[in-house]
Amino acid sequence: MTTHQATRQGNRMAADTASIDDVLIARHSVTDCRVTVKGGQIDIVGKAPLMTFGPQGSLQLYSPANMEKRVALIMEVAERHLTEFEKLEVYRQMIATRAQCGIDGQKRLRIPPSHMAHAGLYTEHPEVDIIMMSSGDCQWLEMWPAGALSSSHAPDDPYNRAYQMLVGAMKKHAEVEADVA
């Protein structure tokens, strides 16, 4: 078994698999709101993944169990560190965009129209880069419009704002706890 690790914008990507090419990064064509995924990618998200909006027009795919972990973590942090108004923005951007997807017998993932629009995939020959992500004991896939993975950070992106709100609140809380100690 081979282990590969890489980093991107503070996230940790890791894959322990016999077929690393199936999960680390792969470019796929999108046809009729469907994209063919590889066996190793299906192993990560299952046959009935949940898709959410991600940063900068990306899409995130989770198995139902890993989506539960993600939601629990986001809600725990939001409850402890954010105002009610801030919680709404975080929920709206990071959780409420969930959509159930299916993978058919030919390994084609159906992308909901709202998610196709978010990722800007209604073009003549759309392609996506699919990468495997991991944090703690949670794994997921990210689908980025071709070429967008290496684009610069977009501070006005609603998902990025919600993410920064969570991180900023956690840092502020940690600083207050350090001052008290």
Protein backbone atom coordinates (compact mmCIF):
# COMPACT_ATOMS: atom_id res chain seq x y z
CA MET A 1 0.00 0.00 0.00
CA THR A 2 1.30 3.44 -0.93
CA THR A 3 0.84 6.62 1.11
CA HIS A 4 0.84 10.06 -0.52
CA GLN A 5 0.34 13.41 1.15
CA ALA A 6 0.01 16.92 -0.23
CA THR A 7 -1.29 20.24 1.04
CA ARG A 8 -3.48 22.93 -0.48
CA GLN A 9 -4.53 26.16 1.25
CA GLY A 10 -4.25 24.73 4.74
CA ASN A 11 -6.24 21.58 4.03
CA ARG A 12 -4.62 18.20 4.33
CA MET A 13 -5.01 15.76 1.48
CA ALA A 14 -4.03 12.17 2.18
CA ALA A 15 -4.68 8.86 0.53
CA ASP A 16 -3.81 5.37 1.63
CA THR A 17 -4.79 3.16 -1.24
CA ALA A 18 -3.43 0.56 -3.61
CA SER A 19 -4.66 2.62 -6.56
CA ILE A 20 -3.62 6.17 -5.75
CA ASP A 21 -4.44 7.34 -9.28
CA ASP A 22 -8.11 6.68 -8.52
CA VAL A 23 -8.29 9.26 -5.74
CA LEU A 24 -5.48 11.81 -5.51
CA ILE A 25 -6.37 14.03 -8.47
CA ALA A 26 -8.12 13.29 -11.71
CA ARG A 27 -9.67 15.35 -14.51
CA HIS A 28 -13.13 14.33 -15.69
CA SER A 29 -15.50 15.55 -18.41
CA VAL A 30 -19.03 16.56 -17.46
CA THR A 31 -21.76 15.43 -19.86
CA ASP A 32 -25.50 16.01 -19.36
CA CYS A 33 -24.99 16.95 -15.68
CA ARG A 34 -23.07 13.71 -15.09
CA VAL A 35 -19.43 12.96 -14.41
CA THR A 36 -17.85 9.51 -14.38
CA VAL A 37 -16.00 8.77 -11.15
CA LYS A 38 -13.41 6.09 -10.45
CA GLY A 39 -13.70 3.13 -8.11
CA GLY A 40 -11.40 4.60 -5.45
CA GLN A 41 -13.44 7.80 -5.44
CA ILE A 42 -16.66 5.81 -4.97
CA ASP A 43 -15.01 4.00 -2.05
CA ILE A 44 -14.61 7.39 -0.31
CA VAL A 45 -18.13 8.77 -0.82
CA GLY A 46 -20.27 5.68 -1.38
CA LYS A 47 -23.02 5.14 -3.96
CA ALA A 48 -25.34 7.81 -2.50
CA PRO A 49 -23.10 10.78 -1.63
CA LEU A 50 -24.19 14.21 -0.46
CA MET A 51 -22.95 17.21 -2.41
CA THR A 52 -22.48 20.73 -1.03
CA PHE A 53 -21.18 24.00 -2.38
CA GLY A 54 -17.50 24.57 -1.68
CA PRO A 55 -15.11 27.49 -1.99
CA GLN A 56 -14.60 29.36 -5.25
CA GLY A 57 -17.19 27.44 -7.25
CA SER A 58 -16.04 24.01 -6.15
CA LEU A 59 -18.33 21.21 -5.04
CA GLN A 60 -17.76 18.86 -2.11
CA LEU A 61 -18.90 15.22 -1.97
CA TYR A 62 -19.33 13.35 1.31
CA SER A 63 -20.54 9.93 2.32
CA PRO A 64 -23.63 10.26 4.54
CA ALA A 65 -21.54 9.30 7.62
CA ASN A 66 -18.83 11.87 6.86
CA MET A 67 -21.46 14.54 6.15
CA GLU A 68 -22.89 13.91 9.63
CA LYS A 69 -19.40 14.43 11.10
CA ARG A 70 -18.94 17.66 9.11
CA VAL A 71 -22.33 19.06 10.14
CA ALA A 72 -21.74 18.16 13.80
CA LEU A 73 -18.34 19.88 13.81
CA ILE A 74 -19.58 23.02 12.06
CA MET A 75 -22.61 23.31 14.35
CA GLU A 76 -20.51 22.72 17.49
CA VAL A 77 -18.06 25.45 16.53
CA ALA A 78 -20.86 27.82 15.46
CA GLU A 79 -22.81 27.29 18.71
CA ARG A 80 -19.75 28.02 20.84
CA HIS A 81 -18.30 30.95 18.95
CA LEU A 82 -20.83 32.76 16.75
CA THR A 83 -23.83 35.05 17.13
CA GLU A 84 -27.22 33.89 15.83
CA PHE A 85 -26.81 36.07 12.73
CA GLU A 86 -23.35 34.64 11.99
CA LYS A 87 -24.64 31.09 12.50
CA LEU A 88 -27.22 31.64 9.75
CA GLU A 89 -24.55 32.65 7.24
CA VAL A 90 -22.37 29.66 8.13
CA TYR A 91 -25.33 27.27 7.96
CA ARG A 92 -26.52 28.73 4.65
CA GLN A 93 -23.13 28.43 2.95
CA MET A 94 -21.69 25.27 4.48
CA ILE A 95 -24.65 23.00 5.26
CA ALA A 96 -27.92 24.09 3.60
CA THR A 97 -26.56 23.52 0.08
CA ARG A 98 -26.61 19.74 0.62
CA ALA A 99 -28.11 17.66 -2.15
CA GLN A 100 -28.43 13.89 -2.36
CA CYS A 101 -26.67 12.46 -5.40
CA GLY A 102 -26.51 9.02 -6.86
CA ILE A 103 -23.89 7.06 -8.73
CA ASP A 104 -25.32 4.71 -11.35
CA GLY A 105 -24.04 1.30 -12.46
CA GLN A 106 -21.75 2.96 -15.02
CA LYS A 107 -20.06 4.99 -12.25
CA ARG A 108 -21.68 8.27 -13.34
CA LEU A 109 -22.43 10.83 -10.65
CA ARG A 110 -25.46 13.03 -11.32
CA ILE A 111 -24.76 16.69 -10.45
CA PRO A 112 -27.90 18.66 -9.46
CA PRO A 113 -28.63 21.69 -11.71
CA SER A 114 -28.13 24.16 -8.83
CA HIS A 115 -24.69 22.71 -8.19
CA MET A 116 -23.83 22.74 -11.91
CA ALA A 117 -24.65 26.47 -11.90
CA HIS A 118 -22.60 27.12 -8.73
CA ALA A 119 -19.56 25.46 -10.31
CA GLY A 120 -20.06 27.24 -13.64
CA LEU A 121 -20.30 23.93 -15.48
CA TYR A 122 -22.95 24.96 -18.01
CA THR A 123 -20.35 25.48 -20.73
CA GLU A 124 -19.71 23.72 -24.03
CA HIS A 125 -17.16 21.13 -22.83
CA PRO A 126 -16.98 21.38 -19.04
CA GLU A 127 -14.33 19.49 -17.10
CA VAL A 128 -13.66 19.12 -13.40
CA ASP A 129 -10.61 18.19 -11.35
CA ILE A 130 -11.55 15.80 -8.55
CA ILE A 131 -9.28 15.63 -5.52
CA MET A 132 -9.46 13.61 -2.33
CA MET A 133 -9.42 15.55 0.93
CA SER A 134 -9.10 14.44 4.52
CA SER A 135 -9.19 16.06 7.94
CA GLY A 136 -9.08 13.99 11.11
CA ASP A 137 -11.17 10.91 10.46
CA CYS A 138 -13.30 12.54 7.75
CA GLN A 139 -12.66 12.09 4.02
CA TRP A 140 -14.39 13.76 1.10
CA LEU A 141 -13.93 14.63 -2.56
CA GLU A 142 -13.76 18.12 -4.00
CA MET A 143 -14.73 18.84 -7.59
CA TRP A 144 -13.16 21.98 -9.00
CA PRO A 145 -13.92 23.47 -12.41
CA ALA A 146 -10.89 22.67 -14.59
CA GLY A 147 -8.09 25.12 -13.82
CA ALA A 148 -9.81 26.68 -10.78
CA LEU A 149 -7.90 24.56 -8.25
CA SER A 150 -4.79 26.67 -8.71
CA SER A 151 -6.63 30.01 -8.84
CA SER A 152 -6.06 32.61 -6.16
CA HIS A 153 -8.19 32.89 -3.02
CA ALA A 154 -11.42 34.85 -3.56
CA PRO A 155 -12.18 36.85 -0.37
CA ASP A 156 -15.64 37.85 -1.64
CA ASP A 157 -16.72 34.21 -2.13
CA PRO A 158 -19.66 33.50 0.26
CA TYR A 159 -18.29 30.10 1.30
CA ASN A 160 -14.86 31.62 2.03
CA ARG A 161 -16.50 34.36 4.13
CA ALA A 162 -18.41 31.78 6.18
CA TYR A 163 -15.28 29.67 6.63
CA GLN A 164 -13.22 32.69 7.70
CA MET A 165 -15.98 33.68 10.12
CA LEU A 166 -15.73 30.26 11.82
CA VAL A 167 -11.94 30.30 11.93
CA GLY A 168 -11.79 33.89 13.17
CA ALA A 169 -14.26 33.20 15.97
CA MET A 170 -12.33 30.12 17.07
CA LYS A 171 -9.05 32.07 17.11
CA LYS A 172 -10.60 34.92 19.10
CA HIS A 173 -12.00 32.42 21.63
CA ALA A 174 -8.58 30.73 21.93
CA GLU A 175 -6.89 34.10 22.53
CA VAL A 176 -9.41 35.00 25.27
CA GLU A 177 -8.85 31.62 26.95
CA ALA A 178 -5.07 32.17 26.79
CA ASP A 179 -5.41 35.65 28.36
CA VAL A 180 -7.51 34.26 31.20
CA ALA A 181 -5.02 31.48 31.91
